[in-house]
Protein backbone atom coordinates (compact mmCIF):
# COMPACT_ATOMS: atom_id res chain seq x y z
CA UNK A 1 0.00 0.00 0.00
CA UNK A 2 1.43 3.36 -1.03
CA UNK A 3 1.63 6.31 1.36
CA UNK A 4 -0.98 8.20 -0.65
CA UNK A 5 -3.44 5.30 -0.53
CA UNK A 6 -2.86 4.73 3.19
CA UNK A 7 -3.44 8.42 3.92
CA UNK A 8 -6.57 8.45 1.76
CA UNK A 9 -8.05 5.48 3.61
CA UNK A 10 -7.16 6.91 7.02
CA UNK A 11 -8.71 10.29 6.25
CA UNK A 12 -11.80 8.56 4.84
CA UNK A 13 -12.84 7.83 8.42
CA UNK A 14 -13.55 11.57 8.73
CA UNK A 15 -16.00 11.31 5.83
CA UNK A 16 -18.05 8.84 7.83
CA UNK A 17 -17.81 10.83 11.06
CA UNK A 18 -19.05 13.92 9.24
CA UNK A 19 -22.00 12.06 7.73
CA UNK A 20 -22.97 10.32 10.95
CA UNK A 21 -22.61 13.41 13.14
CA UNK A 22 -23.68 16.24 10.83
CA UNK A 23 -25.85 14.51 8.22
CA UNK A 24 -23.69 15.94 5.47
CA UNK A 25 -20.18 16.95 4.55
CA UNK A 26 -19.25 13.53 3.20
CA UNK A 27 -18.67 14.69 -0.35
CA UNK A 28 -17.30 18.00 0.87
CA UNK A 29 -14.49 15.89 2.32
CA UNK A 30 -14.48 13.07 -0.22
CA UNK A 31 -14.04 15.11 -3.40
CA UNK A 32 -11.00 17.11 -2.18
CA UNK A 33 -9.56 13.96 -0.58
CA UNK A 34 -9.81 11.95 -3.78
CA UNK A 35 -8.55 14.82 -5.97
CA UNK A 36 -5.70 16.18 -3.86
CA UNK A 37 -4.57 13.11 -1.87
CA UNK A 38 -5.52 10.10 -4.03
CA UNK A 39 -4.66 12.15 -7.17
CA UNK A 40 -7.77 11.14 -9.13
CA UNK A 41 -9.07 13.25 -12.03
CA UNK A 42 -11.90 15.55 -10.89
CA UNK A 43 -14.76 13.72 -12.58
CA UNK A 44 -13.54 10.29 -11.48
CA UNK A 45 -13.21 11.64 -7.94
CA UNK A 46 -16.76 12.98 -8.07
CA UNK A 47 -18.14 9.65 -9.28
CA UNK A 48 -16.16 7.73 -6.64
CA UNK A 49 -17.35 10.09 -3.92
CA UNK A 50 -20.96 9.36 -4.87
CA UNK A 51 -20.36 5.63 -4.33
CA UNK A 52 -18.51 6.16 -1.04
CA UNK A 53 -21.03 8.62 0.36
CA UNK A 54 -24.05 6.64 -0.78
CA UNK A 55 -22.90 3.40 0.85
CA UNK A 56 -21.71 5.16 4.00
CA UNK A 57 -24.99 7.05 4.41
CA UNK A 58 -27.01 3.86 4.03
CA UNK A 59 -25.12 2.32 6.94
CA UNK A 60 -24.96 5.57 8.94
CA UNK A 61 -28.75 5.96 9.05
CA UNK A 62 -29.10 2.88 11.29
CA UNK A 63 -28.14 4.44 14.67
CA UNK A 64 -30.34 7.46 13.89
CA UNK A 65 -33.28 5.20 13.06
CA UNK A 66 -32.89 3.31 16.34
CA UNK A 67 -32.95 6.65 18.18
CA UNK A 68 -36.11 7.78 16.27
CA UNK A 69 -34.26 10.62 14.57
CA UNK A 70 -35.54 9.85 11.04
CA UNK A 71 -38.70 11.18 9.33
CA UNK A 72 -39.16 8.33 6.90
CA UNK A 73 -41.89 9.74 4.64
CA UNK A 74 -40.10 13.06 4.24
CA UNK A 75 -36.79 11.33 3.60
CA UNK A 76 -38.11 8.84 1.05
CA UNK A 77 -40.13 11.42 -0.92
CA UNK A 78 -37.21 13.87 -0.89
CA UNK A 79 -34.88 11.05 -1.94
CA UNK A 80 -37.08 9.86 -4.83
CA UNK A 81 -37.45 13.41 -6.16
CA UNK A 82 -33.73 13.97 -5.69
CA UNK A 83 -32.82 10.81 -7.58
CA UNK A 84 -34.45 12.23 -10.71
CA UNK A 85 -32.46 15.44 -10.47
CA UNK A 86 -29.26 13.60 -9.51
CA UNK A 87 -29.38 11.29 -12.54
CA UNK A 88 -29.95 14.26 -14.85
CA UNK A 89 -27.11 16.16 -13.19
CA UNK A 90 -24.76 13.21 -13.58
CA UNK A 91 -25.49 13.07 -17.31
CA UNK A 92 -25.13 16.83 -17.75
CA UNK A 93 -21.79 16.91 -15.93
CA UNK A 94 -19.94 15.51 -18.96
CA UNK A 95 -20.60 18.77 -20.83
CA UNK A 96 -19.26 21.08 -18.08
CA UNK A 97 -15.52 21.66 -17.40
CA UNK A 98 -14.27 20.22 -14.12
CA UNK A 99 -13.02 23.61 -12.90
CA UNK A 100 -16.47 25.10 -13.37
CA UNK A 101 -18.05 22.21 -11.44
CA UNK A 102 -15.66 22.56 -8.50
CA UNK A 103 -15.98 26.36 -8.40
CA UNK A 104 -19.77 26.10 -8.36
CA UNK A 105 -19.49 23.44 -5.67
CA UNK A 106 -17.42 25.75 -3.44
CA UNK A 107 -19.69 28.77 -3.90
CA UNK A 108 -22.78 26.75 -2.96
CA UNK A 109 -20.97 25.42 0.09
CA UNK A 110 -20.24 28.95 1.30
CA UNK A 111 -23.79 30.19 0.72
CA UNK A 112 -25.24 27.25 2.61
CA UNK A 113 -22.75 27.66 5.47
CA UNK A 114 -23.86 31.26 6.01
CA UNK A 115 -27.47 30.11 6.32
CA UNK A 116 -26.57 27.42 8.84
CA UNK A 117 -24.44 29.73 10.99
CA UNK A 118 -27.11 32.43 11.07
CA UNK A 119 -29.75 29.87 12.00
CA UNK A 120 -33.53 30.02 11.81
CA UNK A 121 -35.59 32.44 13.86
CA UNK A 122 -38.49 30.53 15.37
CA UNK A 123 -41.56 31.86 17.07
CA UNK A 124 -42.00 30.62 20.62
CA UNK A 125 -44.29 27.65 20.81
CA UNK A 126 -44.08 26.82 17.09
CA UNK A 127 -44.96 23.12 16.74
CA UNK A 128 -42.34 20.75 15.42
CA UNK A 129 -43.61 19.11 12.20
CA UNK A 130 -43.77 15.35 12.15
CA UNK A 131 -43.51 15.28 8.35
CA UNK A 132 -43.09 18.10 5.81
CA UNK A 133 -45.59 18.99 3.01
CA UNK A 134 -45.13 16.66 0.04
CA UNK A 135 -45.10 19.38 -2.65
CA UNK A 136 -42.33 21.32 -0.90
CA UNK A 137 -40.35 18.15 -0.35
CA UNK A 138 -40.61 17.17 -4.04
CA UNK A 139 -39.55 20.61 -5.29
CA UNK A 140 -36.60 20.85 -2.91
CA UNK A 141 -35.63 17.29 -3.72
CA UNK A 142 -35.39 17.84 -7.47
CA UNK A 143 -33.31 21.02 -7.09
CA UNK A 144 -30.93 19.51 -4.54
CA UNK A 145 -30.70 16.31 -6.59
CA UNK A 146 -29.60 18.22 -9.68
CA UNK A 147 -26.78 19.81 -7.68
CA UNK A 148 -25.87 16.38 -6.30
CA UNK A 149 -25.42 14.88 -9.74
CA UNK A 150 -23.51 17.84 -11.15
CA UNK A 151 -20.89 18.33 -8.44
CA UNK A 152 -20.81 14.94 -6.74
CA UNK A 153 -22.16 16.24 -3.44
CA UNK A 154 -24.38 13.76 -1.64
CA UNK A 155 -26.48 16.79 -0.84
CA UNK A 156 -26.29 16.85 2.95
CA UNK A 157 -24.87 20.36 2.91
CA UNK A 158 -28.12 21.39 1.17
CA UNK A 159 -30.56 18.81 2.57
CA UNK A 160 -29.82 19.52 6.24
CA UNK A 161 -30.43 23.27 5.90
CA UNK A 162 -33.57 22.60 3.85
CA UNK A 163 -34.97 20.33 6.55
CA UNK A 164 -33.76 22.34 9.56
CA UNK A 165 -34.09 25.95 8.40
CA UNK A 166 -36.96 25.81 5.90
CA UNK A 167 -38.82 22.74 7.10
CA UNK A 168 -38.46 23.40 10.81
CA UNK A 169 -37.25 19.93 11.80
CA UNK A 170 -35.00 19.77 14.89
CA UNK A 171 -31.37 19.57 13.88
CA UNK A 172 -30.78 15.99 15.13
CA UNK A 173 -33.84 14.81 13.15
CA UNK A 174 -32.72 16.73 10.06
CA UNK A 175 -29.34 14.98 10.33
CA UNK A 176 -30.86 11.50 10.51
CA UNK A 177 -33.39 12.14 7.74
CA UNK A 178 -30.77 13.63 5.45
CA UNK A 179 -28.83 10.37 5.42
CA UNK A 180 -31.79 8.58 3.81
CA UNK A 181 -31.90 11.27 1.12
CA UNK A 182 -28.14 11.29 0.58
CA UNK A 183 -27.94 7.52 0.06
CA UNK A 184 -30.73 7.52 -2.54
CA UNK A 185 -29.45 10.53 -4.48
CA UNK A 186 -25.83 9.49 -4.40
CA UNK A 187 -26.55 6.14 -6.05
CA UNK A 188 -28.71 7.86 -8.71
CA UNK A 189 -25.96 10.39 -9.44
CA UNK A 190 -23.43 7.55 -9.65
CA UNK A 191 -25.60 5.81 -12.25
CA UNK A 192 -25.47 8.95 -14.36
CA UNK A 193 -21.67 9.17 -14.12
CA UNK A 194 -21.00 5.50 -14.89
CA UNK A 195 -21.96 6.04 -18.53
CA UNK A 196 -18.85 8.18 -19.06
CA UNK A 197 -16.48 7.62 -16.10
CA UNK A 198 -14.51 4.55 -14.97
CA UNK A 199 -14.06 3.95 -11.23
CA UNK A 200 -11.11 2.36 -9.44
CA UNK A 201 -13.24 -0.18 -7.54
CA UNK A 202 -10.44 -1.32 -5.23
CA UNK A 203 -9.77 2.21 -4.03
CA UNK A 204 -13.49 2.92 -3.75
CA UNK A 205 -14.04 -0.21 -1.63
CA UNK A 206 -11.18 0.67 0.75
CA UNK A 207 -12.34 4.27 1.20
CA UNK A 208 -15.95 3.14 1.70
CA UNK A 209 -15.01 0.62 4.39
CA UNK A 210 -13.09 3.27 6.33
CA UNK A 211 -15.92 5.79 5.95
CA UNK A 212 -18.50 3.28 7.22
CA UNK A 213 -16.49 2.83 10.42
CA UNK A 214 -16.50 6.59 10.88
CA UNK A 215 -20.25 6.87 10.22
CA UNK A 216 -21.07 4.47 13.03
CA UNK A 217 -18.96 6.54 15.41
CA UNK A 218 -20.51 9.80 14.20
CA UNK A 219 -24.04 8.44 14.59
CA UNK A 220 -23.37 7.56 18.22
CA UNK A 221 -22.06 11.06 18.92
CA UNK A 222 -24.93 12.90 17.20
CA UNK A 223 -27.48 12.43 19.97
CA UNK A 224 -25.07 13.76 22.61
CA UNK A 225 -24.17 17.11 21.01
CA UNK A 226 -26.43 20.16 21.68
CA UNK A 227 -28.41 21.16 18.59
CA UNK A 228 -27.18 24.75 18.41
CA UNK A 229 -23.56 23.63 18.66
CA UNK A 230 -24.18 20.96 16.02
CA UNK A 231 -25.73 23.43 13.58
CA UNK A 232 -22.98 26.04 13.88
CA UNK A 233 -20.23 23.40 13.78
CA UNK A 234 -21.73 22.15 10.52
CA UNK A 235 -21.73 25.70 9.14
CA UNK A 236 -18.12 26.48 10.02
CA UNK A 237 -16.95 23.10 8.77
CA UNK A 238 -18.51 23.86 5.38
CA UNK A 239 -16.95 27.37 5.37
CA UNK A 240 -13.43 25.99 5.82
CA UNK A 241 -13.84 23.31 3.15
CA UNK A 242 -15.54 25.74 0.75
CA UNK A 243 -12.70 28.25 1.04
CA UNK A 244 -10.15 25.50 0.45
CA UNK A 245 -11.86 24.12 -2.65
CA UNK A 246 -12.42 27.61 -4.07
CA UNK A 247 -8.79 28.58 -3.49
CA UNK A 248 -7.63 25.47 -5.34
CA UNK A 249 -9.38 26.71 -8.49
CA UNK A 250 -7.32 29.91 -8.60
CA UNK A 251 -4.33 30.24 -11.00
CA UNK A 252 -1.22 28.56 -9.62
CA UNK A 253 0.67 31.81 -9.10
CA UNK A 254 -2.14 33.18 -6.97
CA UNK A 255 -2.86 29.89 -5.20
CA UNK A 256 0.72 29.46 -3.97
CA UNK A 257 0.98 33.01 -2.63
CA UNK A 258 1.17 32.80 1.19
CA UNK A 259 -0.48 36.22 1.49
CA UNK A 260 -3.68 34.70 0.11
CA UNK A 261 -3.80 31.98 2.75
CA UNK A 262 -2.96 34.42 5.55
CA UNK A 263 -5.77 36.71 4.39
CA UNK A 264 -8.22 33.80 4.19
CA UNK A 265 -7.20 32.61 7.65
CA UNK A 266 -7.71 36.06 9.12
CA UNK A 267 -11.10 36.37 7.41
CA UNK A 268 -12.31 33.06 8.82
CA UNK A 269 -10.93 33.85 12.29
CA UNK A 270 -12.65 37.24 12.25
CA UNK A 271 -15.94 35.67 11.21
CA UNK A 272 -15.70 33.01 13.94
CA UNK A 273 -14.92 35.67 16.56
CA UNK A 274 -17.83 37.79 15.38
CA UNK A 275 -20.26 34.89 15.60
CA UNK A 276 -19.05 33.97 19.09
CA UNK A 277 -19.48 37.58 20.22
CA UNK A 278 -23.00 37.77 18.80
CA UNK A 279 -23.87 34.50 20.52
CA UNK A 280 -22.57 35.88 23.83
CA UNK A 281 -24.42 39.18 23.50
CA UNK A 282 -27.67 37.88 21.96
CA UNK A 283 -28.11 34.11 21.53
CA UNK A 284 -31.33 34.61 19.53
CA UNK A 285 -29.40 36.46 16.84
CA UNK A 286 -27.82 33.22 15.68
CA UNK A 287 -30.97 31.17 15.78
CA UNK A 288 -30.89 29.88 19.36
CA UNK A 289 -34.54 29.04 19.94
CA UNK A 290 -36.76 26.55 21.68
CA UNK A 291 -35.85 23.94 19.06
CA UNK A 292 -33.59 22.11 21.52
CA UNK A 293 -36.49 21.49 23.83
CA UNK A 294 -38.68 20.60 20.87
CA UNK A 295 -36.12 18.04 19.70
CA UNK A 296 -36.35 16.32 23.05
CA UNK A 297 -40.12 16.19 23.00
CA UNK A 298 -40.83 15.59 19.31
CA UNK A 299 -42.67 12.32 18.56
CA UNK A 300 -40.74 9.41 17.06
CA UNK A 301 -40.98 8.81 13.33
């Protein structure tokens, strides 16, 4: 086993932890890992990430289901709608340059991260929905699925905010439900890619096995982390990965300039400090609501 392969497999555990704990972030880690560490071409890395994330999510949903943190109807309808968009996205990806795909991927990551960090303002006493309206779920599913197929993202970085911020599900439930959606859409997106891309099945199997181990660990941790902390951790995680992927698309002379990385580091540090200060001064400003209590009292799926 080469050093690069060993490092890829070891870091793949983090893919599973991210999926099990946050309900997303698997492809956000998998695509850069496969491109920059395993040295795969961008489109092959995207296709491989869909396989890894799909299989890992399917296993990772089990501890959430046992803890009643899955809304099955919402997840299955969202997943079926998303599969349609994901297959179409996978077929369309062959006509779009890899740099454009990765740049779009990074920009969507950053936009979603901002929404998660800011949080959702909830009126006191707002009931927690057991399932979301079918029409909304279908529409969101198709849109998120299209993105999944195009950029190789399992969709958790879009599904979790859609369920938590727009749908009003408690964050732990949004995490568990998103894994159902991610598994379905990832396999559909993979089917679209397989018509034009060849996968290194040995590498994919090794990375998947490591990620599955991580997903089991992440699923056990998810129920023990406060919802507000979980939501903002998800947001900042996506910010860091989004900045990294976006920076990698810059011309080499710019990308290797240390001033760029220092400036990015200072920007992220400033943003983190600002969020912490806002949380200290006014917790409601970052979406701290009664959702934590609602998560504890919401009925099982």
